[in-house]
Amino acid sequence: RRIGMIFQSFNLVYRLSVFQNVLHGRLGYMSTPS
């Protein structure tokens, strides 16, 4: 959770919005159902 990564190939979910992709940065802090 405390180690961020930035990739050469971006590793974004292209079908999702910018906002949704940014929010993915919080997934490591959330329960699996959430």
PDB file of all heavy atoms in Angstrom:
ATOM      1  N   ARG A   1       0.826  -1.207   0.000  1.00  0.00           N
ATOM      2  CA  ARG A   1       0.000   0.000   0.000  1.00  0.00           C
ATOM      3  C   ARG A   1       0.858   1.253   0.000  1.00  0.00           C
ATOM      4  O   ARG A   1       0.457   2.289  -0.523  1.00  0.00           O
ATOM      5  CB  ARG A   1      -0.881   0.023   1.246  1.00  0.00           C
ATOM      6  CG  ARG A   1      -1.937  -1.047   1.335  1.00  0.00           C
ATOM      7  CD  ARG A   1      -2.558  -1.009   2.721  1.00  0.00           C
ATOM      8  NE  ARG A   1      -3.542  -2.061   2.916  1.00  0.00           N
ATOM      9  CZ  ARG A   1      -4.053  -2.391   4.087  1.00  0.00           C
ATOM     10  NH1 ARG A   1      -3.678  -1.730   5.174  1.00  0.00           N
ATOM     11  NH2 ARG A   1      -4.928  -3.351   4.184  1.00  0.00           N
ATOM     12  N   ARG A   2       2.022   1.161   0.609  1.00  0.00           N
ATOM     13  CA  ARG A   2       2.901   2.322   0.780  1.00  0.00           C
ATOM     14  C   ARG A   2       3.951   2.424  -0.318  1.00  0.00           C
ATOM     15  O   ARG A   2       4.845   3.261  -0.255  1.00  0.00           O
ATOM     16  CB  ARG A   2       3.586   2.241   2.148  1.00  0.00           C
ATOM     17  CG  ARG A   2       2.640   2.260   3.321  1.00  0.00           C
ATOM     18  CD  ARG A   2       2.263   3.671   3.689  1.00  0.00           C
ATOM     19  NE  ARG A   2       3.390   4.370   4.307  1.00  0.00           N
ATOM     20  CZ  ARG A   2       3.497   5.686   4.412  1.00  0.00           C
ATOM     21  NH1 ARG A   2       2.557   6.457   3.914  1.00  0.00           N
ATOM     22  NH2 ARG A   2       4.533   6.235   5.007  1.00  0.00           N
ATOM     23  N   ILE A   3       3.848   1.555  -1.326  1.00  0.00           N
ATOM     24  CA  ILE A   3       4.789   1.592  -2.452  1.00  0.00           C
ATOM     25  C   ILE A   3       4.000   1.792  -3.735  1.00  0.00           C
ATOM     26  O   ILE A   3       3.288   0.893  -4.194  1.00  0.00           O
ATOM     27  CB  ILE A   3       5.616   0.295  -2.543  1.00  0.00           C
ATOM     28  CG1 ILE A   3       6.386   0.053  -1.237  1.00  0.00           C
ATOM     29  CG2 ILE A   3       6.583   0.374  -3.725  1.00  0.00           C
ATOM     30  CD1 ILE A   3       7.161  -1.254  -1.215  1.00  0.00           C
ATOM     31  N   GLY A   4       4.088   2.981  -4.312  1.00  0.00           N
ATOM     32  CA  GLY A   4       3.409   3.265  -5.569  1.00  0.00           C
ATOM     33  C   GLY A   4       4.274   2.877  -6.756  1.00  0.00           C
ATOM     34  O   GLY A   4       5.503   2.866  -6.655  1.00  0.00           O
ATOM     35  N   MET A   5       3.626   2.553  -7.873  1.00  0.00           N
ATOM     36  CA  MET A   5       4.381   2.218  -9.089  1.00  0.00           C
ATOM     37  C   MET A   5       3.847   2.990 -10.288  1.00  0.00           C
ATOM     38  O   MET A   5       2.639   3.156 -10.452  1.00  0.00           O
ATOM     39  CB  MET A   5       4.316   0.716  -9.373  1.00  0.00           C
ATOM     40  CG  MET A   5       5.229  -0.111  -8.476  1.00  0.00           C
ATOM     41  SD  MET A   5       5.910  -1.594  -9.272  1.00  0.00           S
ATOM     42  CE  MET A   5       6.940  -0.930 -10.574  1.00  0.00           C
ATOM     43  N   ILE A   6       4.782   3.447 -11.100  1.00  0.00           N
ATOM     44  CA  ILE A   6       4.451   4.086 -12.370  1.00  0.00           C
ATOM     45  C   ILE A   6       5.151   3.278 -13.459  1.00  0.00           C
ATOM     46  O   ILE A   6       6.357   3.046 -13.390  1.00  0.00           O
ATOM     47  CB  ILE A   6       4.910   5.554 -12.391  1.00  0.00           C
ATOM     48  CG1 ILE A   6       4.149   6.348 -11.322  1.00  0.00           C
ATOM     49  CG2 ILE A   6       4.694   6.169 -13.765  1.00  0.00           C
ATOM     50  CD1 ILE A   6       4.619   7.779 -11.180  1.00  0.00           C
ATOM     51  N   PHE A   7       4.368   2.844 -14.449  1.00  0.00           N
ATOM     52  CA  PHE A   7       4.872   1.905 -15.443  1.00  0.00           C
ATOM     53  C   PHE A   7       5.081   2.588 -16.799  1.00  0.00           C
ATOM     54  O   PHE A   7       4.369   3.526 -17.155  1.00  0.00           O
ATOM     55  CB  PHE A   7       3.882   0.756 -15.638  1.00  0.00           C
ATOM     56  CG  PHE A   7       3.566  -0.019 -14.391  1.00  0.00           C
ATOM     57  CD1 PHE A   7       2.530   0.394 -13.550  1.00  0.00           C
ATOM     58  CD2 PHE A   7       4.276  -1.151 -14.057  1.00  0.00           C
ATOM     59  CE1 PHE A   7       2.222  -0.320 -12.405  1.00  0.00           C
ATOM     60  CE2 PHE A   7       3.981  -1.870 -12.912  1.00  0.00           C
ATOM     61  CZ  PHE A   7       2.953  -1.455 -12.086  1.00  0.00           C
ATOM     62  N   GLN A   8       6.008   2.038 -17.570  1.00  0.00           N
ATOM     63  CA  GLN A   8       6.232   2.516 -18.932  1.00  0.00           C
ATOM     64  C   GLN A   8       4.976   2.349 -19.778  1.00  0.00           C
ATOM     65  O   GLN A   8       4.627   3.215 -20.586  1.00  0.00           O
ATOM     66  CB  GLN A   8       7.391   1.731 -19.559  1.00  0.00           C
ATOM     67  CG  GLN A   8       7.632   2.052 -21.034  1.00  0.00           C
ATOM     68  CD  GLN A   8       8.752   1.214 -21.616  1.00  0.00           C
ATOM     69  OE1 GLN A   8       9.568   0.655 -20.878  1.00  0.00           O
ATOM     70  NE2 GLN A   8       8.801   1.105 -22.922  1.00  0.00           N
ATOM     71  N   SER A   9       4.251   1.236 -19.567  1.00  0.00           N
ATOM     72  CA  SER A   9       3.064   0.932 -20.373  1.00  0.00           C
ATOM     73  C   SER A   9       1.774   1.443 -19.724  1.00  0.00           C
ATOM     74  O   SER A   9       0.682   1.075 -20.142  1.00  0.00           O
ATOM     75  CB  SER A   9       2.962  -0.583 -20.583  1.00  0.00           C
ATOM     76  OG  SER A   9       2.929  -1.258 -19.332  1.00  0.00           O
ATOM     77  N   PHE A  10       1.902   2.275 -18.677  1.00  0.00           N
ATOM     78  CA  PHE A  10       0.802   2.964 -17.994  1.00  0.00           C
ATOM     79  C   PHE A  10      -0.044   2.061 -17.075  1.00  0.00           C
ATOM     80  O   PHE A  10      -0.439   2.468 -16.005  1.00  0.00           O
ATOM     81  CB  PHE A  10      -0.111   3.696 -18.976  1.00  0.00           C
ATOM     82  CG  PHE A  10       0.596   4.461 -20.050  1.00  0.00           C
ATOM     83  CD1 PHE A  10       0.340   4.216 -21.388  1.00  0.00           C
ATOM     84  CD2 PHE A  10       1.554   5.413 -19.725  1.00  0.00           C
ATOM     85  CE1 PHE A  10       1.007   4.915 -22.385  1.00  0.00           C
ATOM     86  CE2 PHE A  10       2.232   6.117 -20.719  1.00  0.00           C
ATOM     87  CZ  PHE A  10       1.960   5.871 -22.056  1.00  0.00           C
ATOM     88  N   ASN A  11      -0.365   0.836 -17.550  1.00  0.00           N
ATOM     89  CA  ASN A  11      -1.162  -0.117 -16.756  1.00  0.00           C
ATOM     90  C   ASN A  11      -2.488   0.474 -16.274  1.00  0.00           C
ATOM     91  O   ASN A  11      -2.880   0.289 -15.123  1.00  0.00           O
ATOM     92  CB  ASN A  11      -0.345  -0.632 -15.561  1.00  0.00           C
ATOM     93  CG  ASN A  11       0.602  -1.745 -15.950  1.00  0.00           C
ATOM     94  OD1 ASN A  11       1.089  -1.782 -17.075  1.00  0.00           O
ATOM     95  ND2 ASN A  11       0.884  -2.642 -15.024  1.00  0.00           N
ATOM     96  N   LEU A  12      -3.161   1.161 -17.163  1.00  0.00           N
ATOM     97  CA  LEU A  12      -4.491   1.686 -16.857  1.00  0.00           C
ATOM     98  C   LEU A  12      -5.558   0.738 -17.398  1.00  0.00           C
ATOM     99  O   LEU A  12      -5.288  -0.102 -18.265  1.00  0.00           O
ATOM    100  CB  LEU A  12      -4.671   3.070 -17.490  1.00  0.00           C
ATOM    101  CG  LEU A  12      -3.663   4.152 -17.101  1.00  0.00           C
ATOM    102  CD1 LEU A  12      -3.968   5.431 -17.865  1.00  0.00           C
ATOM    103  CD2 LEU A  12      -3.664   4.395 -15.601  1.00  0.00           C
ATOM    104  N   VAL A  13      -6.791   0.878 -16.890  1.00  0.00           N
ATOM    105  CA  VAL A  13      -7.941   0.154 -17.453  1.00  0.00           C
ATOM    106  C   VAL A  13      -8.588   1.104 -18.458  1.00  0.00           C
ATOM    107  O   VAL A  13      -9.294   2.039 -18.088  1.00  0.00           O
ATOM    108  CB  VAL A  13      -8.943  -0.254 -16.356  1.00  0.00           C
ATOM    109  CG1 VAL A  13     -10.088  -1.055 -16.967  1.00  0.00           C
ATOM    110  CG2 VAL A  13      -8.242  -1.068 -15.270  1.00  0.00           C
ATOM    111  N   TYR A  14      -8.317   0.882 -19.720  1.00  0.00           N
ATOM    112  CA  TYR A  14      -8.656   1.870 -20.749  1.00  0.00           C
ATOM    113  C   TYR A  14     -10.151   2.068 -20.944  1.00  0.00           C
ATOM    114  O   TYR A  14     -10.587   3.128 -21.392  1.00  0.00           O
ATOM    115  CB  TYR A  14      -8.008   1.483 -22.079  1.00  0.00           C
ATOM    116  CG  TYR A  14      -6.504   1.676 -22.087  1.00  0.00           C
ATOM    117  CD1 TYR A  14      -5.692   0.932 -22.941  1.00  0.00           C
ATOM    118  CD2 TYR A  14      -5.889   2.601 -21.240  1.00  0.00           C
ATOM    119  CE1 TYR A  14      -4.309   1.110 -22.945  1.00  0.00           C
ATOM    120  CE2 TYR A  14      -4.523   2.779 -21.245  1.00  0.00           C
ATOM    121  CZ  TYR A  14      -3.740   2.033 -22.095  1.00  0.00           C
ATOM    122  OH  TYR A  14      -2.382   2.211 -22.093  1.00  0.00           O
ATOM    123  N   ARG A  15     -10.963   1.071 -20.618  1.00  0.00           N
ATOM    124  CA  ARG A  15     -12.417   1.219 -20.802  1.00  0.00           C
ATOM    125  C   ARG A  15     -13.053   2.021 -19.675  1.00  0.00           C
ATOM    126  O   ARG A  15     -14.216   2.413 -19.773  1.00  0.00           O
ATOM    127  CB  ARG A  15     -13.078  -0.151 -20.890  1.00  0.00           C
ATOM    128  CG  ARG A  15     -12.899  -1.001 -19.651  1.00  0.00           C
ATOM    129  CD  ARG A  15     -13.504  -2.382 -19.792  1.00  0.00           C
ATOM    130  NE  ARG A  15     -13.193  -3.241 -18.656  1.00  0.00           N
ATOM    131  CZ  ARG A  15     -13.812  -3.205 -17.496  1.00  0.00           C
ATOM    132  NH1 ARG A  15     -14.810  -2.337 -17.311  1.00  0.00           N
ATOM    133  NH2 ARG A  15     -13.463  -4.006 -16.513  1.00  0.00           N
ATOM    134  N   LEU A  16     -12.294   2.260 -18.593  1.00  0.00           N
ATOM    135  CA  LEU A  16     -12.805   3.027 -17.458  1.00  0.00           C
ATOM    136  C   LEU A  16     -12.386   4.485 -17.555  1.00  0.00           C
ATOM    137  O   LEU A  16     -11.455   4.844 -18.284  1.00  0.00           O
ATOM    138  CB  LEU A  16     -12.312   2.419 -16.141  1.00  0.00           C
ATOM    139  CG  LEU A  16     -12.753   0.988 -15.839  1.00  0.00           C
ATOM    140  CD1 LEU A  16     -12.223   0.560 -14.479  1.00  0.00           C
ATOM    141  CD2 LEU A  16     -14.272   0.848 -15.903  1.00  0.00           C
ATOM    142  N   SER A  17     -13.061   5.323 -16.799  1.00  0.00           N
ATOM    143  CA  SER A  17     -12.780   6.760 -16.835  1.00  0.00           C
ATOM    144  C   SER A  17     -11.490   7.088 -16.101  1.00  0.00           C
ATOM    145  O   SER A  17     -10.953   6.275 -15.335  1.00  0.00           O
ATOM    146  CB  SER A  17     -13.930   7.536 -16.183  1.00  0.00           C
ATOM    147  OG  SER A  17     -13.950   7.294 -14.779  1.00  0.00           O
ATOM    148  N   VAL A  18     -11.011   8.295 -16.337  1.00  0.00           N
ATOM    149  CA  VAL A  18      -9.842   8.808 -15.621  1.00  0.00           C
ATOM    150  C   VAL A  18     -10.095   8.733 -14.113  1.00  0.00           C
ATOM    151  O   VAL A  18      -9.245   8.277 -13.338  1.00  0.00           O
ATOM    152  CB  VAL A  18      -9.544  10.251 -16.052  1.00  0.00           C
ATOM    153  CG1 VAL A  18      -8.548  10.925 -15.111  1.00  0.00           C
ATOM    154  CG2 VAL A  18      -9.021  10.276 -17.489  1.00  0.00           C
ATOM    155  N   PHE A  19     -11.263   9.193 -13.694  1.00  0.00           N
ATOM    156  CA  PHE A  19     -11.621   9.224 -12.271  1.00  0.00           C
ATOM    157  C   PHE A  19     -11.577   7.814 -11.658  1.00  0.00           C
ATOM    158  O   PHE A  19     -11.014   7.606 -10.569  1.00  0.00           O
ATOM    159  CB  PHE A  19     -13.019   9.822 -12.124  1.00  0.00           C
ATOM    160  CG  PHE A  19     -13.414  10.160 -10.722  1.00  0.00           C
ATOM    161  CD1 PHE A  19     -12.537  10.810  -9.859  1.00  0.00           C
ATOM    162  CD2 PHE A  19     -14.692   9.845 -10.258  1.00  0.00           C
ATOM    163  CE1 PHE A  19     -12.914  11.130  -8.559  1.00  0.00           C
ATOM    164  CE2 PHE A  19     -15.079  10.174  -8.961  1.00  0.00           C
ATOM    165  CZ  PHE A  19     -14.188  10.812  -8.110  1.00  0.00           C
ATOM    166  N   GLN A  20     -12.138   6.829 -12.368  1.00  0.00           N
ATOM    167  CA  GLN A  20     -12.150   5.457 -11.851  1.00  0.00           C
ATOM    168  C   GLN A  20     -10.739   4.887 -11.754  1.00  0.00           C
ATOM    169  O   GLN A  20     -10.404   4.185 -10.795  1.00  0.00           O
ATOM    170  CB  GLN A  20     -13.014   4.566 -12.759  1.00  0.00           C
ATOM    171  CG  GLN A  20     -14.507   4.839 -12.659  1.00  0.00           C
ATOM    172  CD  GLN A  20     -15.284   4.101 -13.721  1.00  0.00           C
ATOM    173  OE1 GLN A  20     -15.046   4.273 -14.915  1.00  0.00           O
ATOM    174  NE2 GLN A  20     -16.216   3.254 -13.304  1.00  0.00           N
ATOM    175  N   ASN A  21      -9.910   5.182 -12.750  1.00  0.00           N
ATOM    176  CA  ASN A  21      -8.534   4.691 -12.716  1.00  0.00           C
ATOM    177  C   ASN A  21      -7.759   5.277 -11.539  1.00  0.00           C
ATOM    178  O   ASN A  21      -6.999   4.568 -10.874  1.00  0.00           O
ATOM    179  CB  ASN A  21      -7.815   5.023 -14.026  1.00  0.00           C
ATOM    180  CG  ASN A  21      -8.007   3.960 -15.090  1.00  0.00           C
ATOM    181  OD1 ASN A  21      -7.317   2.944 -15.098  1.00  0.00           O
ATOM    182  ND2 ASN A  21      -8.958   4.195 -15.992  1.00  0.00           N
ATOM    183  N   VAL A  22      -7.970   6.543 -11.262  1.00  0.00           N
ATOM    184  CA  VAL A  22      -7.279   7.172 -10.135  1.00  0.00           C
ATOM    185  C   VAL A  22      -7.755   6.562  -8.814  1.00  0.00           C
ATOM    186  O   VAL A  22      -6.949   6.283  -7.915  1.00  0.00           O
ATOM    187  CB  VAL A  22      -7.492   8.700 -10.146  1.00  0.00           C
ATOM    188  CG1 VAL A  22      -6.910   9.347  -8.884  1.00  0.00           C
ATOM    189  CG2 VAL A  22      -6.834   9.309 -11.383  1.00  0.00           C
ATOM    190  N   LEU A  23      -9.044   6.324  -8.689  1.00  0.00           N
ATOM    191  CA  LEU A  23      -9.592   5.727  -7.471  1.00  0.00           C
ATOM    192  C   LEU A  23      -9.031   4.330  -7.205  1.00  0.00           C
ATOM    193  O   LEU A  23      -8.976   3.881  -6.047  1.00  0.00           O
ATOM    194  CB  LEU A  23     -11.114   5.665  -7.550  1.00  0.00           C
ATOM    195  CG  LEU A  23     -11.847   6.982  -7.297  1.00  0.00           C
ATOM    196  CD1 LEU A  23     -13.315   6.855  -7.686  1.00  0.00           C
ATOM    197  CD2 LEU A  23     -11.723   7.420  -5.840  1.00  0.00           C
ATOM    198  N   HIS A  24      -8.581   3.651  -8.255  1.00  0.00           N
ATOM    199  CA  HIS A  24      -8.006   2.318  -8.075  1.00  0.00           C
ATOM    200  C   HIS A  24      -6.791   2.336  -7.150  1.00  0.00           C
ATOM    201  O   HIS A  24      -6.412   1.288  -6.601  1.00  0.00           O
ATOM    202  CB  HIS A  24      -7.613   1.726  -9.433  1.00  0.00           C
ATOM    203  CG  HIS A  24      -8.762   1.161 -10.185  1.00  0.00           C
ATOM    204  ND1 HIS A  24      -8.635   0.588 -11.432  1.00  0.00           N
ATOM    205  CD2 HIS A  24     -10.076   1.075  -9.873  1.00  0.00           C
ATOM    206  CE1 HIS A  24      -9.820   0.179 -11.850  1.00  0.00           C
ATOM    207  NE2 HIS A  24     -10.714   0.472 -10.927  1.00  0.00           N
ATOM    208  N   GLY A  25      -6.199   3.503  -6.960  1.00  0.00           N
ATOM    209  CA  GLY A  25      -5.080   3.614  -6.036  1.00  0.00           C
ATOM    210  C   GLY A  25      -5.458   3.311  -4.595  1.00  0.00           C
ATOM    211  O   GLY A  25      -4.578   3.066  -3.755  1.00  0.00           O
ATOM    212  N   ARG A  26      -6.754   3.293  -4.286  1.00  0.00           N
ATOM    213  CA  ARG A  26      -7.216   3.002  -2.924  1.00  0.00           C
ATOM    214  C   ARG A  26      -7.608   1.541  -2.715  1.00  0.00           C
ATOM    215  O   ARG A  26      -7.963   1.155  -1.599  1.00  0.00           O
ATOM    216  CB  ARG A  26      -8.431   3.881  -2.574  1.00  0.00           C
ATOM    217  CG  ARG A  26      -8.158   5.359  -2.584  1.00  0.00           C
ATOM    218  CD  ARG A  26      -7.008   5.747  -1.673  1.00  0.00           C
ATOM    219  NE  ARG A  26      -7.297   5.519  -0.248  1.00  0.00           N
ATOM    220  CZ  ARG A  26      -6.392   5.650   0.722  1.00  0.00           C
ATOM    221  NH1 ARG A  26      -5.149   5.975   0.425  1.00  0.00           N
ATOM    222  NH2 ARG A  26      -6.735   5.438   1.976  1.00  0.00           N
ATOM    223  N   LEU A  27      -7.527   0.716  -3.749  1.00  0.00           N
ATOM    224  CA  LEU A  27      -8.005  -0.658  -3.642  1.00  0.00           C
ATOM    225  C   LEU A  27      -7.281  -1.446  -2.555  1.00  0.00           C
ATOM    226  O   LEU A  27      -7.865  -2.294  -1.885  1.00  0.00           O
ATOM    227  CB  LEU A  27      -7.856  -1.378  -4.989  1.00  0.00           C
ATOM    228  CG  LEU A  27      -8.788  -0.889  -6.104  1.00  0.00           C
ATOM    229  CD1 LEU A  27      -8.493  -1.626  -7.398  1.00  0.00           C
ATOM    230  CD2 LEU A  27     -10.252  -1.058  -5.711  1.00  0.00           C
ATOM    231  N   GLY A  28      -6.007  -1.178  -2.362  1.00  0.00           N
ATOM    232  CA  GLY A  28      -5.235  -1.897  -1.353  1.00  0.00           C
ATOM    233  C   GLY A  28      -5.678  -1.623   0.069  1.00  0.00           C
ATOM    234  O   GLY A  28      -5.340  -2.378   0.989  1.00  0.00           O
ATOM    235  N   TYR A  29      -6.455  -0.564   0.253  1.00  0.00           N
ATOM    236  CA  TYR A  29      -6.944  -0.193   1.578  1.00  0.00           C
ATOM    237  C   TYR A  29      -8.365  -0.681   1.833  1.00  0.00           C
ATOM    238  O   TYR A  29      -8.898  -0.487   2.920  1.00  0.00           O
ATOM    239  CB  TYR A  29      -6.919   1.327   1.746  1.00  0.00           C
ATOM    240  CG  TYR A  29      -5.526   1.921   1.789  1.00  0.00           C
ATOM    241  CD1 TYR A  29      -4.865   2.291   0.629  1.00  0.00           C
ATOM    242  CD2 TYR A  29      -4.880   2.112   3.006  1.00  0.00           C
ATOM    243  CE1 TYR A  29      -3.596   2.829   0.673  1.00  0.00           C
ATOM    244  CE2 TYR A  29      -3.608   2.663   3.062  1.00  0.00           C
ATOM    245  CZ  TYR A  29      -2.967   3.016   1.888  1.00  0.00           C
ATOM    246  OH  TYR A  29      -1.698   3.550   1.934  1.00  0.00           O
ATOM    247  N   MET A  30      -8.983  -1.292   0.826  1.00  0.00           N
ATOM    248  CA  MET A  30     -10.404  -1.642   0.919  1.00  0.00           C
ATOM    249  C   MET A  30     -10.620  -3.127   1.130  1.00  0.00           C
ATOM    250  O   MET A  30      -9.773  -3.954   0.768  1.00  0.00           O
ATOM    251  CB  MET A  30     -11.122  -1.190  -0.365  1.00  0.00           C
ATOM    252  CG  MET A  30     -11.053   0.319  -0.607  1.00  0.00           C
ATOM    253  SD  MET A  30     -11.549   0.794  -2.279  1.00  0.00           S
ATOM    254  CE  MET A  30     -13.271   0.280  -2.303  1.00  0.00           C
ATOM    255  N   SER A  31     -11.766  -3.480   1.706  1.00  0.00           N
ATOM    256  CA  SER A  31     -12.145  -4.883   1.820  1.00  0.00           C
ATOM    257  C   SER A  31     -12.457  -5.413   0.421  1.00  0.00           C
ATOM    258  O   SER A  31     -12.756  -4.645  -0.503  1.00  0.00           O
ATOM    259  CB  SER A  31     -13.382  -5.029   2.704  1.00  0.00           C
ATOM    260  OG  SER A  31     -14.521  -4.439   2.079  1.00  0.00           O
ATOM    261  N   THR A  32     -12.382  -6.731   0.269  1.00  0.00           N
ATOM    262  CA  THR A  32     -12.630  -7.333  -1.047  1.00  0.00           C
ATOM    263  C   THR A  32     -14.026  -7.001  -1.586  1.00  0.00           C
ATOM    264  O   THR A  32     -14.156  -6.594  -2.753  1.00  0.00           O
ATOM    265  CB  THR A  32     -12.429  -8.849  -0.992  1.00  0.00           C
ATOM    266  OG1 THR A  32     -11.072  -9.121  -0.608  1.00  0.00           O
ATOM    267  CG2 THR A  32     -12.691  -9.478  -2.351  1.00  0.00           C
ATOM    268  N   PRO A  33     -15.095  -7.115  -0.782  1.00  0.00           N
ATOM    269  CA  PRO A  33     -16.425  -6.760  -1.314  1.00  0.00           C
ATOM    270  C   PRO A  33     -16.511  -5.297  -1.768  1.00  0.00           C
ATOM    271  O   PRO A  33     -17.076  -5.000  -2.823  1.00  0.00           O
ATOM    272  CB  PRO A  33     -17.359  -7.029  -0.131  1.00  0.00           C
ATOM    273  CG  PRO A  33     -16.647  -8.032   0.710  1.00  0.00           C
ATOM    274  CD  PRO A  33     -15.197  -7.678   0.588  1.00  0.00           C
ATOM    275  N   SER A  34     -15.971  -4.394  -0.971  1.00  0.00           N
ATOM    276  CA  SER A  34     -16.019  -2.974  -1.338  1.00  0.00           C
ATOM    277  C   SER A  34     -15.223  -2.709  -2.603  1.00  0.00           C
ATOM    278  O   SER A  34     -15.630  -1.919  -3.467  1.00  0.00           O
ATOM    279  CB  SER A  34     -15.472  -2.116  -0.190  1.00  0.00           C
ATOM    280  OG  SER A  34     -16.334  -2.163   0.931  1.00  0.00           O
TER     281      SER A  34
END
